[in-house]
PDB file of N, CA and C in Angstrom:
ATOM      1  N   MET A   1     -22.885 -14.783  41.512  1.00  0.00           N
ATOM      2  CA  MET A   1     -22.522 -14.174  40.252  1.00  0.00           C
ATOM      3  C   MET A   1     -21.600 -15.088  39.437  1.00  0.00           C
ATOM      4  N   LYS A   2     -20.671 -15.760  40.141  1.00  0.00           N
ATOM      5  CA  LYS A   2     -19.771 -16.661  39.445  1.00  0.00           C
ATOM      6  C   LYS A   2     -20.528 -17.843  38.850  1.00  0.00           C
ATOM      7  N   LYS A   3     -21.593 -18.259  39.548  1.00  0.00           N
ATOM      8  CA  LYS A   3     -22.386 -19.378  39.031  1.00  0.00           C
ATOM      9  C   LYS A   3     -23.129 -18.974  37.762  1.00  0.00           C
ATOM     10  N   VAL A   4     -23.601 -17.738  37.704  1.00  0.00           N
ATOM     11  CA  VAL A   4     -24.314 -17.257  36.523  1.00  0.00           C
ATOM     12  C   VAL A   4     -23.360 -17.187  35.335  1.00  0.00           C
ATOM     13  N   ILE A   5     -22.162 -16.676  35.559  1.00  0.00           N
ATOM     14  CA  ILE A   5     -21.168 -16.589  34.488  1.00  0.00           C
ATOM     15  C   ILE A   5     -20.775 -17.988  34.021  1.00  0.00           C
ATOM     16  N   ALA A   6     -20.573 -18.902  34.956  1.00  0.00           N
ATOM     17  CA  ALA A   6     -20.210 -20.271  34.587  1.00  0.00           C
ATOM     18  C   ALA A   6     -21.334 -20.935  33.800  1.00  0.00           C
ATOM     19  N   LEU A   7     -22.573 -20.673  34.180  1.00  0.00           N
ATOM     20  CA  LEU A   7     -23.708 -21.240  33.456  1.00  0.00           C
ATOM     21  C   LEU A   7     -23.780 -20.692  32.034  1.00  0.00           C
ATOM     22  N   CYS A   8     -23.584 -19.382  31.887  1.00  0.00           N
ATOM     23  CA  CYS A   8     -23.608 -18.771  30.549  1.00  0.00           C
ATOM     24  C   CYS A   8     -22.476 -19.302  29.680  1.00  0.00           C
ATOM     25  N   LEU A   9     -21.303 -19.455  30.247  1.00  0.00           N
ATOM     26  CA  LEU A   9     -20.172 -19.970  29.486  1.00  0.00           C
ATOM     27  C   LEU A   9     -20.348 -21.437  29.121  1.00  0.00           C
ATOM     28  N   SER A  10     -21.064 -22.190  29.953  1.00  0.00           N
ATOM     29  CA  SER A  10     -21.283 -23.594  29.631  1.00  0.00           C
ATOM     30  C   SER A  10     -22.165 -23.755  28.399  1.00  0.00           C
ATOM     31  N   PHE A  11     -23.048 -22.794  28.137  1.00  0.00           N
ATOM     32  CA  PHE A  11     -23.865 -22.856  26.933  1.00  0.00           C
ATOM     33  C   PHE A  11     -23.045 -22.536  25.685  1.00  0.00           C
ATOM     34  N   LEU A  12     -21.928 -21.837  25.837  1.00  0.00           N
ATOM     35  CA  LEU A  12     -21.072 -21.522  24.700  1.00  0.00           C
ATOM     36  C   LEU A  12     -20.033 -22.599  24.421  1.00  0.00           C
ATOM     37  N   ALA A  13     -19.873 -23.559  25.314  1.00  0.00           N
ATOM     38  CA  ALA A  13     -18.859 -24.593  25.150  1.00  0.00           C
ATOM     39  C   ALA A  13     -19.029 -25.399  23.865  1.00  0.00           C
ATOM     40  N   PRO A  14     -20.247 -25.826  23.481  1.00  0.00           N
ATOM     41  CA  PRO A  14     -20.360 -26.563  22.211  1.00  0.00           C
ATOM     42  C   PRO A  14     -19.966 -25.721  20.999  1.00  0.00           C
ATOM     43  N   VAL A  15     -20.249 -24.434  21.039  1.00  0.00           N
ATOM     44  CA  VAL A  15     -19.883 -23.566  19.928  1.00  0.00           C
ATOM     45  C   VAL A  15     -18.363 -23.460  19.827  1.00  0.00           C
ATOM     46  N   LEU A  16     -17.703 -23.335  20.957  1.00  0.00           N
ATOM     47  CA  LEU A  16     -16.249 -23.224  20.953  1.00  0.00           C
ATOM     48  C   LEU A  16     -15.594 -24.528  20.522  1.00  0.00           C
ATOM     49  N   ALA A  17     -16.235 -25.651  20.783  1.00  0.00           N
ATOM     50  CA  ALA A  17     -15.693 -26.947  20.389  1.00  0.00           C
ATOM     51  C   ALA A  17     -16.161 -27.365  19.007  1.00  0.00           C
ATOM     52  N   PHE A  18     -16.923 -26.516  18.330  1.00  0.00           N
ATOM     53  CA  PHE A  18     -17.492 -26.804  17.020  1.00  0.00           C
ATOM     54  C   PHE A  18     -18.371 -28.053  17.044  1.00  0.00           C
ATOM     55  N   ALA A  19     -19.027 -28.293  18.169  1.00  0.00           N
ATOM     56  CA  ALA A  19     -19.900 -29.449  18.280  1.00  0.00           C
ATOM     57  C   ALA A  19     -21.319 -29.116  17.868  1.00  0.00           C
ATOM     58  N   GLN A  20     -21.601 -27.865  17.678  1.00  0.00           N
ATOM     59  CA  GLN A  20     -22.935 -27.448  17.294  1.00  0.00           C
ATOM     60  C   GLN A  20     -22.795 -26.633  16.021  1.00  0.00           C
ATOM     61  N   THR A  21     -23.556 -26.953  14.986  1.00  0.00           N
ATOM     62  CA  THR A  21     -23.329 -26.350  13.678  1.00  0.00           C
ATOM     63  C   THR A  21     -24.104 -25.067  13.450  1.00  0.00           C
ATOM     64  N   THR A  22     -25.233 -24.885  14.038  1.00  0.00           N
ATOM     65  CA  THR A  22     -26.065 -23.723  13.731  1.00  0.00           C
ATOM     66  C   THR A  22     -25.409 -22.392  14.105  1.00  0.00           C
ATOM     67  N   PRO A  23     -24.872 -22.215  15.334  1.00  0.00           N
ATOM     68  CA  PRO A  23     -24.239 -20.929  15.627  1.00  0.00           C
ATOM     69  C   PRO A  23     -22.998 -20.655  14.791  1.00  0.00           C
ATOM     70  N   VAL A  24     -22.308 -21.699  14.341  1.00  0.00           N
ATOM     71  CA  VAL A  24     -21.111 -21.496  13.524  1.00  0.00           C
ATOM     72  C   VAL A  24     -21.485 -20.831  12.210  1.00  0.00           C
ATOM     73  N   THR A  25     -22.609 -21.241  11.620  1.00  0.00           N
ATOM     74  CA  THR A  25     -23.028 -20.602  10.380  1.00  0.00           C
ATOM     75  C   THR A  25     -23.417 -19.155  10.637  1.00  0.00           C
ATOM     76  N   ASN A  26     -23.998 -18.876  11.789  1.00  0.00           N
ATOM     77  CA  ASN A  26     -24.319 -17.494  12.117  1.00  0.00           C
ATOM     78  C   ASN A  26     -23.053 -16.671  12.297  1.00  0.00           C
ATOM     79  N   ILE A  27     -22.049 -17.271  12.899  1.00  0.00           N
ATOM     80  CA  ILE A  27     -20.787 -16.560  13.093  1.00  0.00           C
ATOM     81  C   ILE A  27     -20.115 -16.309  11.747  1.00  0.00           C
ATOM     82  N   SER A  28     -20.122 -17.310  10.862  1.00  0.00           N
ATOM     83  CA  SER A  28     -19.475 -17.120   9.568  1.00  0.00           C
ATOM     84  C   SER A  28     -20.215 -16.085   8.731  1.00  0.00           C
ATOM     85  N   SER A  29     -21.540 -16.030   8.836  1.00  0.00           N
ATOM     86  CA  SER A  29     -22.258 -14.987   8.108  1.00  0.00           C
ATOM     87  C   SER A  29     -21.963 -13.616   8.706  1.00  0.00           C
ATOM     88  N   GLY A  30     -21.724 -13.573  10.008  1.00  0.00           N
ATOM     89  CA  GLY A  30     -21.313 -12.312  10.633  1.00  0.00           C
ATOM     90  C   GLY A  30     -19.949 -11.867  10.148  1.00  0.00           C
ATOM     91  N   PHE A  31     -19.042 -12.830   9.975  1.00  0.00           N
ATOM     92  CA  PHE A  31     -17.721 -12.503   9.439  1.00  0.00           C
ATOM     93  C   PHE A  31     -17.822 -12.015   8.004  1.00  0.00           C
ATOM     94  N   LYS A  32     -18.697 -12.642   7.216  1.00  0.00           N
ATOM     95  CA  LYS A  32     -18.879 -12.196   5.837  1.00  0.00           C
ATOM     96  C   LYS A  32     -19.430 -10.788   5.795  1.00  0.00           C
ATOM     97  N   PHE A  33     -20.365 -10.478   6.698  1.00  0.00           N
ATOM     98  CA  PHE A  33     -20.922  -9.124   6.759  1.00  0.00           C
ATOM     99  C   PHE A  33     -19.842  -8.128   7.148  1.00  0.00           C
ATOM    100  N   ALA A  34     -19.029  -8.471   8.161  1.00  0.00           N
ATOM    101  CA  ALA A  34     -17.966  -7.565   8.604  1.00  0.00           C
ATOM    102  C   ALA A  34     -16.931  -7.354   7.505  1.00  0.00           C
ATOM    103  N   THR A  35     -16.606  -8.401   6.776  1.00  0.00           N
ATOM    104  CA  THR A  35     -15.650  -8.286   5.673  1.00  0.00           C
ATOM    105  C   THR A  35     -16.182  -7.362   4.588  1.00  0.00           C
ATOM    106  N   ALA A  36     -17.455  -7.546   4.235  1.00  0.00           N
ATOM    107  CA  ALA A  36     -18.065  -6.681   3.220  1.00  0.00           C
ATOM    108  C   ALA A  36     -18.120  -5.239   3.702  1.00  0.00           C
ATOM    109  N   LEU A  37     -18.419  -5.046   4.980  1.00  0.00           N
ATOM    110  CA  LEU A  37     -18.476  -3.693   5.537  1.00  0.00           C
ATOM    111  C   LEU A  37     -17.097  -3.034   5.488  1.00  0.00           C
ATOM    112  N   PHE A  38     -16.061  -3.757   5.904  1.00  0.00           N
ATOM    113  CA  PHE A  38     -14.719  -3.187   5.886  1.00  0.00           C
ATOM    114  C   PHE A  38     -14.240  -2.926   4.466  1.00  0.00           C
ATOM    115  N   ASN A  39     -14.606  -3.774   3.514  1.00  0.00           N
ATOM    116  CA  ASN A  39     -14.244  -3.522   2.120  1.00  0.00           C
ATOM    117  C   ASN A  39     -14.909  -2.249   1.610  1.00  0.00           C
ATOM    118  N   ASN A  40     -16.171  -2.050   1.957  1.00  0.00           N
ATOM    119  CA  ASN A  40     -16.865  -0.836   1.525  1.00  0.00           C
ATOM    120  C   ASN A  40     -16.296   0.407   2.197  1.00  0.00           C
ATOM    121  N   ILE A  41     -15.930   0.294   3.461  1.00  0.00           N
ATOM    122  CA  ILE A  41     -15.319   1.432   4.163  1.00  0.00           C
ATOM    123  C   ILE A  41     -13.968   1.767   3.533  1.00  0.00           C
ATOM    124  N   THR A  42     -13.203   0.743   3.162  1.00  0.00           N
ATOM    125  CA  THR A  42     -11.906   0.963   2.520  1.00  0.00           C
ATOM    126  C   THR A  42     -12.061   1.700   1.204  1.00  0.00           C
ATOM    127  N   ILE A  43     -13.026   1.281   0.397  1.00  0.00           N
ATOM    128  CA  ILE A  43     -13.275   1.952  -0.880  1.00  0.00           C
ATOM    129  C   ILE A  43     -13.688   3.395  -0.650  1.00  0.00           C
ATOM    130  N   PHE A  44     -14.524   3.632   0.358  1.00  0.00           N
ATOM    131  CA  PHE A  44     -14.966   4.991   0.668  1.00  0.00           C
ATOM    132  C   PHE A  44     -13.788   5.871   1.096  1.00  0.00           C
ATOM    133  N   ILE A  45     -12.893   5.339   1.918  1.00  0.00           N
ATOM    134  CA  ILE A  45     -11.733   6.118   2.377  1.00  0.00           C
ATOM    135  C   ILE A  45     -10.785   6.399   1.213  1.00  0.00           C
ATOM    136  N   PHE A  46     -10.585   5.427   0.319  1.00  0.00           N
ATOM    137  CA  PHE A  46      -9.784   5.678  -0.879  1.00  0.00           C
ATOM    138  C   PHE A  46     -10.412   6.800  -1.701  1.00  0.00           C
ATOM    139  N   GLY A  47     -11.730   6.771  -1.842  1.00  0.00           N
ATOM    140  CA  GLY A  47     -12.429   7.833  -2.579  1.00  0.00           C
ATOM    141  C   GLY A  47     -12.240   9.191  -1.936  1.00  0.00           C
ATOM    142  N   LEU A  48     -12.325   9.253  -0.603  1.00  0.00           N
ATOM    143  CA  LEU A  48     -12.097  10.518   0.097  1.00  0.00           C
ATOM    144  C   LEU A  48     -10.673  11.028  -0.122  1.00  0.00           C
ATOM    145  N   ALA A  49      -9.701  10.129  -0.122  1.00  0.00           N
ATOM    146  CA  ALA A  49      -8.309  10.539  -0.339  1.00  0.00           C
ATOM    147  C   ALA A  49      -8.121  11.088  -1.754  1.00  0.00           C
ATOM    148  N   VAL A  50      -8.768  10.470  -2.729  1.00  0.00           N
ATOM    149  CA  VAL A  50      -8.661  10.963  -4.104  1.00  0.00           C
ATOM    150  C   VAL A  50      -9.327  12.332  -4.225  1.00  0.00           C
ATOM    151  N   VAL A  51     -10.482  12.491  -3.587  1.00  0.00           N
ATOM    152  CA  VAL A  51     -11.159  13.790  -3.615  1.00  0.00           C
ATOM    153  C   VAL A  51     -10.303  14.850  -2.930  1.00  0.00           C
ATOM    154  N   TRP A  52      -9.668  14.502  -1.799  1.00  0.00           N
ATOM    155  CA  TRP A  52      -8.777  15.441  -1.096  1.00  0.00           C
ATOM    156  C   TRP A  52      -7.633  15.868  -2.011  1.00  0.00           C
ATOM    157  N   PHE A  53      -7.031  14.903  -2.702  1.00  0.00           N
ATOM    158  CA  PHE A  53      -5.927  15.201  -3.608  1.00  0.00           C
ATOM    159  C   PHE A  53      -6.393  16.107  -4.753  1.00  0.00           C
ATOM    160  N   LEU A  54      -7.511  15.756  -5.368  1.00  0.00           N
ATOM    161  CA  LEU A  54      -8.007  16.561  -6.493  1.00  0.00           C
ATOM    162  C   LEU A  54      -8.432  17.957  -6.048  1.00  0.00           C
ATOM    163  N   TRP A  55      -8.995  18.070  -4.860  1.00  0.00           N
ATOM    164  CA  TRP A  55      -9.348  19.394  -4.336  1.00  0.00           C
ATOM    165  C   TRP A  55      -8.083  20.223  -4.103  1.00  0.00           C
ATOM    166  N   GLY A  56      -7.025  19.590  -3.618  1.00  0.00           N
ATOM    167  CA  GLY A  56      -5.756  20.289  -3.441  1.00  0.00           C
ATOM    168  C   GLY A  56      -5.170  20.741  -4.766  1.00  0.00           C
ATOM    169  N   VAL A  57      -5.274  19.907  -5.805  1.00  0.00           N
ATOM    170  CA  VAL A  57      -4.793  20.292  -7.137  1.00  0.00           C
ATOM    171  C   VAL A  57      -5.599  21.476  -7.656  1.00  0.00           C
ATOM    172  N   PHE A  58      -6.907  21.429  -7.466  1.00  0.00           N
ATOM    173  CA  PHE A  58      -7.757  22.543  -7.905  1.00  0.00           C
ATOM    174  C   PHE A  58      -7.379  23.838  -7.190  1.00  0.00           C
ATOM    175  N   LYS A  59      -7.198  23.748  -5.866  1.00  0.00           N
ATOM    176  CA  LYS A  59      -6.819  24.943  -5.107  1.00  0.00           C
ATOM    177  C   LYS A  59      -5.431  25.432  -5.522  1.00  0.00           C
ATOM    178  N   TYR A  60      -4.526  24.507  -5.863  1.00  0.00           N
ATOM    179  CA  TYR A  60      -3.178  24.882  -6.279  1.00  0.00           C
ATOM    180  C   TYR A  60      -3.221  25.648  -7.599  1.00  0.00           C
ATOM    181  N   VAL A  61      -4.041  25.176  -8.533  1.00  0.00           N
ATOM    182  CA  VAL A  61      -4.146  25.846  -9.830  1.00  0.00           C
ATOM    183  C   VAL A  61      -4.803  27.213  -9.669  1.00  0.00           C
ATOM    184  N   VAL A  62      -5.831  27.296  -8.843  1.00  0.00           N
ATOM    185  CA  VAL A  62      -6.528  28.575  -8.643  1.00  0.00           C
ATOM    186  C   VAL A  62      -5.638  29.560  -7.892  1.00  0.00           C
ATOM    187  N   ALA A  63      -4.882  29.065  -6.900  1.00  0.00           N
ATOM    188  CA  ALA A  63      -4.063  29.953  -6.076  1.00  0.00           C
ATOM    189  C   ALA A  63      -2.716  30.274  -6.708  1.00  0.00           C
ATOM    190  N   SER A  64      -2.405  29.694  -7.857  1.00  0.00           N
ATOM    191  CA  SER A  64      -1.089  29.924  -8.443  1.00  0.00           C
ATOM    192  C   SER A  64      -0.911  31.363  -8.906  1.00  0.00           C
ATOM    193  N   ALA A  65      -2.005  32.024  -9.245  1.00  0.00           N
ATOM    194  CA  ALA A  65      -1.903  33.410  -9.708  1.00  0.00           C
ATOM    195  C   ALA A  65      -2.134  34.402  -8.583  1.00  0.00           C
ATOM    196  N   GLY A  66      -2.455  33.907  -7.387  1.00  0.00           N
ATOM    197  CA  GLY A  66      -2.833  34.821  -6.313  1.00  0.00           C
ATOM    198  C   GLY A  66      -1.902  34.795  -5.127  1.00  0.00           C
ATOM    199  N   ASP A  67      -2.483  34.612  -3.963  1.00  0.00           N
ATOM    200  CA  ASP A  67      -1.811  34.704  -2.672  1.00  0.00           C
ATOM    201  C   ASP A  67      -0.775  33.584  -2.495  1.00  0.00           C
ATOM    202  N   GLU A  68       0.388  33.960  -1.941  1.00  0.00           N
ATOM    203  CA  GLU A  68       1.461  32.992  -1.717  1.00  0.00           C
ATOM    204  C   GLU A  68       1.114  32.004  -0.597  1.00  0.00           C
ATOM    205  N   GLU A  69       0.418  32.466   0.445  1.00  0.00           N
ATOM    206  CA  GLU A  69       0.029  31.586   1.551  1.00  0.00           C
ATOM    207  C   GLU A  69      -0.961  30.522   1.080  1.00  0.00           C
ATOM    208  N   ALA A  70      -1.915  30.925   0.254  1.00  0.00           N
ATOM    209  CA  ALA A  70      -2.882  29.969  -0.289  1.00  0.00           C
ATOM    210  C   ALA A  70      -2.172  28.974  -1.198  1.00  0.00           C
ATOM    211  N   HIS A  71      -1.160  29.439  -1.904  1.00  0.00           N
ATOM    212  CA  HIS A  71      -0.382  28.572  -2.780  1.00  0.00           C
ATOM    213  C   HIS A  71       0.353  27.510  -1.957  1.00  0.00           C
ATOM    214  N   LYS A  72       0.964  27.902  -0.840  1.00  0.00           N
ATOM    215  CA  LYS A  72       1.679  26.960   0.020  1.00  0.00           C
ATOM    216  C   LYS A  72       0.717  25.978   0.668  1.00  0.00           C
ATOM    217  N   ALA A  73      -0.437  26.471   1.094  1.00  0.00           N
ATOM    218  CA  ALA A  73      -1.427  25.595   1.729  1.00  0.00           C
ATOM    219  C   ALA A  73      -1.945  24.557   0.733  1.00  0.00           C
ATOM    220  N   ALA A  74      -2.186  24.988  -0.490  1.00  0.00           N
ATOM    221  CA  ALA A  74      -2.656  24.053  -1.520  1.00  0.00           C
ATOM    222  C   ALA A  74      -1.569  23.047  -1.872  1.00  0.00           C
ATOM    223  N   ARG A  75      -0.323  23.483  -1.937  1.00  0.00           N
ATOM    224  CA  ARG A  75       0.783  22.572  -2.216  1.00  0.00           C
ATOM    225  C   ARG A  75       0.902  21.521  -1.113  1.00  0.00           C
ATOM    226  N   ASN A  76       0.774  21.956   0.143  1.00  0.00           N
ATOM    227  CA  ASN A  76       0.811  21.007   1.259  1.00  0.00           C
ATOM    228  C   ASN A  76      -0.354  20.016   1.190  1.00  0.00           C
ATOM    229  N   MET A  77      -1.506  20.502   0.749  1.00  0.00           N
ATOM    230  CA  MET A  77      -2.669  19.641   0.623  1.00  0.00           C
ATOM    231  C   MET A  77      -2.430  18.571  -0.450  1.00  0.00           C
ATOM    232  N   VAL A  78      -1.814  18.943  -1.551  1.00  0.00           N
ATOM    233  CA  VAL A  78      -1.500  17.989  -2.614  1.00  0.00           C
ATOM    234  C   VAL A  78      -0.485  16.969  -2.118  1.00  0.00           C
ATOM    235  N   ILE A  79       0.529  17.423  -1.406  1.00  0.00           N
ATOM    236  CA  ILE A  79       1.552  16.518  -0.878  1.00  0.00           C
ATOM    237  C   ILE A  79       0.942  15.555   0.129  1.00  0.00           C
ATOM    238  N   GLN A  80       0.059  16.057   1.005  1.00  0.00           N
ATOM    239  CA  GLN A  80      -0.619  15.186   1.963  1.00  0.00           C
ATOM    240  C   GLN A  80      -1.472  14.144   1.244  1.00  0.00           C
ATOM    241  N   GLY A  81      -2.139  14.555   0.175  1.00  0.00           N
ATOM    242  CA  GLY A  81      -2.956  13.624  -0.590  1.00  0.00           C
ATOM    243  C   GLY A  81      -2.130  12.535  -1.239  1.00  0.00           C
ATOM    244  N   ILE A  82      -0.977  12.905  -1.809  1.00  0.00           N
ATOM    245  CA  ILE A  82      -0.095  11.916  -2.445  1.00  0.00           C
ATOM    246  C   ILE A  82       0.452  10.943  -1.407  1.00  0.00           C
ATOM    247  N   ILE A  83       0.889  11.467  -0.266  1.00  0.00           N
ATOM    248  CA  ILE A  83       1.431  10.604   0.786  1.00  0.00           C
ATOM    249  C   ILE A  83       0.333   9.679   1.327  1.00  0.00           C
ATOM    250  N   GLY A  84      -0.852  10.225   1.556  1.00  0.00           N
ATOM    251  CA  GLY A  84      -1.954   9.399   2.047  1.00  0.00           C
ATOM    252  C   GLY A  84      -2.327   8.292   1.082  1.00  0.00           C
ATOM    253  N   LEU A  85      -2.423   8.609  -0.202  1.00  0.00           N
ATOM    254  CA  LEU A  85      -2.742   7.589  -1.198  1.00  0.00           C
ATOM    255  C   LEU A  85      -1.634   6.533  -1.289  1.00  0.00           C
ATOM    256  N   ALA A  86      -0.382   6.963  -1.213  1.00  0.00           N
ATOM    257  CA  ALA A  86       0.725   6.015  -1.287  1.00  0.00           C
ATOM    258  C   ALA A  86       0.732   5.071  -0.084  1.00  0.00           C
ATOM    259  N   VAL A  87       0.485   5.617   1.099  1.00  0.00           N
ATOM    260  CA  VAL A  87       0.461   4.778   2.302  1.00  0.00           C
ATOM    261  C   VAL A  87      -0.707   3.797   2.241  1.00  0.00           C
ATOM    262  N   MET A  88      -1.889   4.276   1.865  1.00  0.00           N
ATOM    263  CA  MET A  88      -3.053   3.392   1.794  1.00  0.00           C
ATOM    264  C   MET A  88      -2.851   2.302   0.746  1.00  0.00           C
ATOM    265  N   LEU A  89      -2.298   2.671  -0.401  1.00  0.00           N
ATOM    266  CA  LEU A  89      -2.080   1.691  -1.457  1.00  0.00           C
ATOM    267  C   LEU A  89      -1.038   0.661  -1.045  1.00  0.00           C
ATOM    268  N   SER A  90       0.018   1.094  -0.362  1.00  0.00           N
ATOM    269  CA  SER A  90       1.043   0.142   0.060  1.00  0.00           C
ATOM    270  C   SER A  90       0.529  -0.796   1.145  1.00  0.00           C
ATOM    271  N   VAL A  91      -0.275  -0.297   2.083  1.00  0.00           N
ATOM    272  CA  VAL A  91      -0.853  -1.165   3.113  1.00  0.00           C
ATOM    273  C   VAL A  91      -1.824  -2.153   2.474  1.00  0.00           C
ATOM    274  N   TYR A  92      -2.633  -1.686   1.541  1.00  0.00           N
ATOM    275  CA  TYR A  92      -3.568  -2.566   0.841  1.00  0.00           C
ATOM    276  C   TYR A  92      -2.810  -3.643   0.059  1.00  0.00           C
ATOM    277  N   GLY A  93      -1.722  -3.259  -0.586  1.00  0.00           N
ATOM    278  CA  GLY A  93      -0.905  -4.225  -1.321  1.00  0.00           C
ATOM    279  C   GLY A  93      -0.236  -5.229  -0.394  1.00  0.00           C
ATOM    280  N   LEU A  94       0.246  -4.757   0.760  1.00  0.00           N
ATOM    281  CA  LEU A  94       0.882  -5.649   1.721  1.00  0.00           C
ATOM    282  C   LEU A  94      -0.116  -6.671   2.253  1.00  0.00           C
ATOM    283  N   ILE A  95      -1.321  -6.215   2.576  1.00  0.00           N
ATOM    284  CA  ILE A  95      -2.347  -7.136   3.066  1.00  0.00           C
ATOM    285  C   ILE A  95      -2.734  -8.129   1.983  1.00  0.00           C
ATOM    286  N   SER A  96      -2.875  -7.670   0.755  1.00  0.00           N
ATOM    287  CA  SER A  96      -3.199  -8.577  -0.349  1.00  0.00           C
ATOM    288  C   SER A  96      -2.089  -9.595  -0.572  1.00  0.00           C
ATOM    289  N   PHE A  97      -0.845  -9.153  -0.499  1.00  0.00           N
ATOM    290  CA  PHE A  97       0.287 -10.065  -0.671  1.00  0.00           C
ATOM    291  C   PHE A  97       0.312 -11.120   0.431  1.00  0.00           C
ATOM    292  N   LEU A  98       0.115 -10.687   1.674  1.00  0.00           N
ATOM    293  CA  LEU A  98       0.152 -11.640   2.785  1.00  0.00           C
ATOM    294  C   LEU A  98      -1.007 -12.636   2.713  1.00  0.00           C
ATOM    295  N   THR A  99      -2.199 -12.170   2.381  1.00  0.00           N
ATOM    296  CA  THR A  99      -3.331 -13.099   2.311  1.00  0.00           C
ATOM    297  C   THR A  99      -3.178 -14.085   1.162  1.00  0.00           C
ATOM    298  N   SER A 100      -2.595 -13.653   0.054  1.00  0.00           N
ATOM    299  CA  SER A 100      -2.413 -14.588  -1.056  1.00  0.00           C
ATOM    300  C   SER A 100      -1.242 -15.532  -0.811  1.00  0.00           C
ATOM    301  N   SER A 101      -0.179 -15.056  -0.191  1.00  0.00           N
ATOM    302  CA  SER A 101       0.977 -15.921   0.031  1.00  0.00           C
ATOM    303  C   SER A 101       0.745 -16.903   1.178  1.00  0.00           C
ATOM    304  N   LEU A 102      -0.083 -16.542   2.139  1.00  0.00           N
ATOM    305  CA  LEU A 102      -0.387 -17.441   3.251  1.00  0.00           C
ATOM    306  C   LEU A 102      -1.657 -18.244   3.009  1.00  0.00           C
ATOM    307  N   ASN A 103      -2.232 -18.113   1.811  1.00  0.00           N
ATOM    308  CA  ASN A 103      -3.442 -18.846   1.428  1.00  0.00           C
ATOM    309  C   ASN A 103      -4.619 -18.528   2.347  1.00  0.00           C
ATOM    310  N   LEU A 104      -4.816 -17.288   2.658  1.00  0.00           N
ATOM    311  CA  LEU A 104      -5.906 -16.858   3.529  1.00  0.00           C
ATOM    312  C   LEU A 104      -7.008 -16.200   2.717  1.00  0.00           C
ATOM    313  N   ASN A 105      -7.502 -16.901   1.711  1.00  0.00           N
ATOM    314  CA  ASN A 105      -8.545 -16.310   0.887  1.00  0.00           C
ATOM    315  C   ASN A 105      -9.892 -16.408   1.591  1.00  0.00           C
ATOM    316  N   ASN A 106     -10.794 -15.519   1.249  1.00  0.00           N
ATOM    317  CA  ASN A 106     -12.096 -15.469   1.903  1.00  0.00           C
ATOM    318  C   ASN A 106     -13.062 -16.504   1.346  1.00  0.00           C
ATOM    319  N   ASN A 107     -12.744 -17.134   0.235  1.00  0.00           N
ATOM    320  CA  ASN A 107     -13.651 -18.080  -0.393  1.00  0.00           C
ATOM    321  C   ASN A 107     -13.413 -19.510   0.053  1.00  0.00           C
ATOM    322  N   ALA A 108     -12.559 -19.704   1.023  1.00  0.00           N
ATOM    323  CA  ALA A 108     -12.260 -21.053   1.473  1.00  0.00           C
ATOM    324  C   ALA A 108     -13.472 -21.642   2.199  1.00  0.00           C
ATOM    325  N   VAL A 109     -13.725 -22.889   1.949  1.00  0.00           N
ATOM    326  CA  VAL A 109     -14.815 -23.588   2.613  1.00  0.00           C
ATOM    327  C   VAL A 109     -14.266 -24.212   3.880  1.00  0.00           C
ATOM    328  N   ILE A 110     -14.897 -23.908   4.987  1.00  0.00           N
ATOM    329  CA  ILE A 110     -14.468 -24.439   6.274  1.00  0.00           C
ATOM    330  C   ILE A 110     -15.344 -25.641   6.584  1.00  0.00           C
ATOM    331  N   ASN A 111     -14.730 -26.800   6.712  1.00  0.00           N
ATOM    332  CA  ASN A 111     -15.474 -28.002   7.059  1.00  0.00           C
ATOM    333  C   ASN A 111     -15.556 -28.115   8.566  1.00  0.00           C
ATOM    334  N   VAL A 112     -16.755 -28.013   9.078  1.00  0.00           N
ATOM    335  CA  VAL A 112     -16.976 -28.089  10.510  1.00  0.00           C
ATOM    336  C   VAL A 112     -17.257 -29.542  10.862  1.00  0.00           C
ATOM    337  N   PRO A 113     -16.513 -30.102  11.816  1.00  0.00           N
ATOM    338  CA  PRO A 113     -16.766 -31.495  12.194  1.00  0.00           C
ATOM    339  C   PRO A 113     -18.155 -31.640  12.803  1.00  0.00           C
ATOM    340  N   GLN A 114     -18.814 -32.707  12.451  1.00  0.00           N
ATOM    341  CA  GLN A 114     -20.149 -32.971  12.975  1.00  0.00           C
ATOM    342  C   GLN A 114     -20.207 -34.388  13.510  1.00  0.00           C
ATOM    343  N   VAL A 115     -21.082 -34.597  14.453  1.00  0.00           N
ATOM    344  CA  VAL A 115     -21.278 -35.922  15.026  1.00  0.00           C
ATOM    345  C   VAL A 115     -22.163 -36.705  14.058  1.00  0.00           C
ATOM    346  N   GLN A 116     -21.698 -37.878  13.673  1.00  0.00           N
ATOM    347  CA  GLN A 116     -22.474 -38.706  12.764  1.00  0.00           C
ATOM    348  C   GLN A 116     -23.453 -39.556  13.545  1.00  0.00           C
ATOM    349  N   THR A 117     -24.676 -39.584  13.072  1.00  0.00           N
ATOM    350  CA  THR A 117     -25.683 -40.404  13.722  1.00  0.00           C
ATOM    351  C   THR A 117     -25.669 -41.799  13.093  1.00  0.00           C
ATOM    352  N   PRO A 118     -25.823 -42.827  13.883  1.00  0.00           N
ATOM    353  CA  PRO A 118     -25.807 -44.185  13.315  1.00  0.00           C
ATOM    354  C   PRO A 118     -27.087 -44.456  12.529  1.00  0.00           C
ATOM    355  N   ASN A 119     -26.935 -45.248  11.472  1.00  0.00           N
ATOM    356  CA  ASN A 119     -28.093 -45.640  10.676  1.00  0.00           C
ATOM    357  C   ASN A 119     -28.773 -46.815  11.358  1.00  0.00           C
ATOM    358  N   ASN A 120     -29.994 -46.635  11.745  1.00  0.00           N
ATOM    359  CA  ASN A 120     -30.776 -47.711  12.365  1.00  0.00           C
ATOM    360  C   ASN A 120     -31.780 -48.243  11.334  1.00  0.00           C
ATOM    361  N   ASN A 121     -31.314 -49.130  10.493  1.00  0.00           N
ATOM    362  CA  ASN A 121     -32.195 -49.682   9.459  1.00  0.00           C
ATOM    363  C   ASN A 121     -32.907 -50.883   9.929  1.00  0.00           C
TER     364      ASN A 121
END
């Protein structure tokens, strides 16, 4: 079993040493896909938080003339929505600040070292 694992890991050694270019491009395209997926998930979660907040405001306005318990529940829902949006916005801002200040932009071109072949003219 150890020999099988060692054999499998030996095939990954050029990729880890950046000696082979083809898998690196596959890995970078995988990172681009994951980044796009996480960006879309983030936008979706922000949208859900806004909908939660607006639904709480709607329930607060409707319950203002009625039941006191429904009024308190709607008020708590609005407060939870505001806190959730504030936390998400501050984390998003912190990540944006760190990536811009540390120069970690996603558009950077990574130069992968390659073995140069000699010209046999």
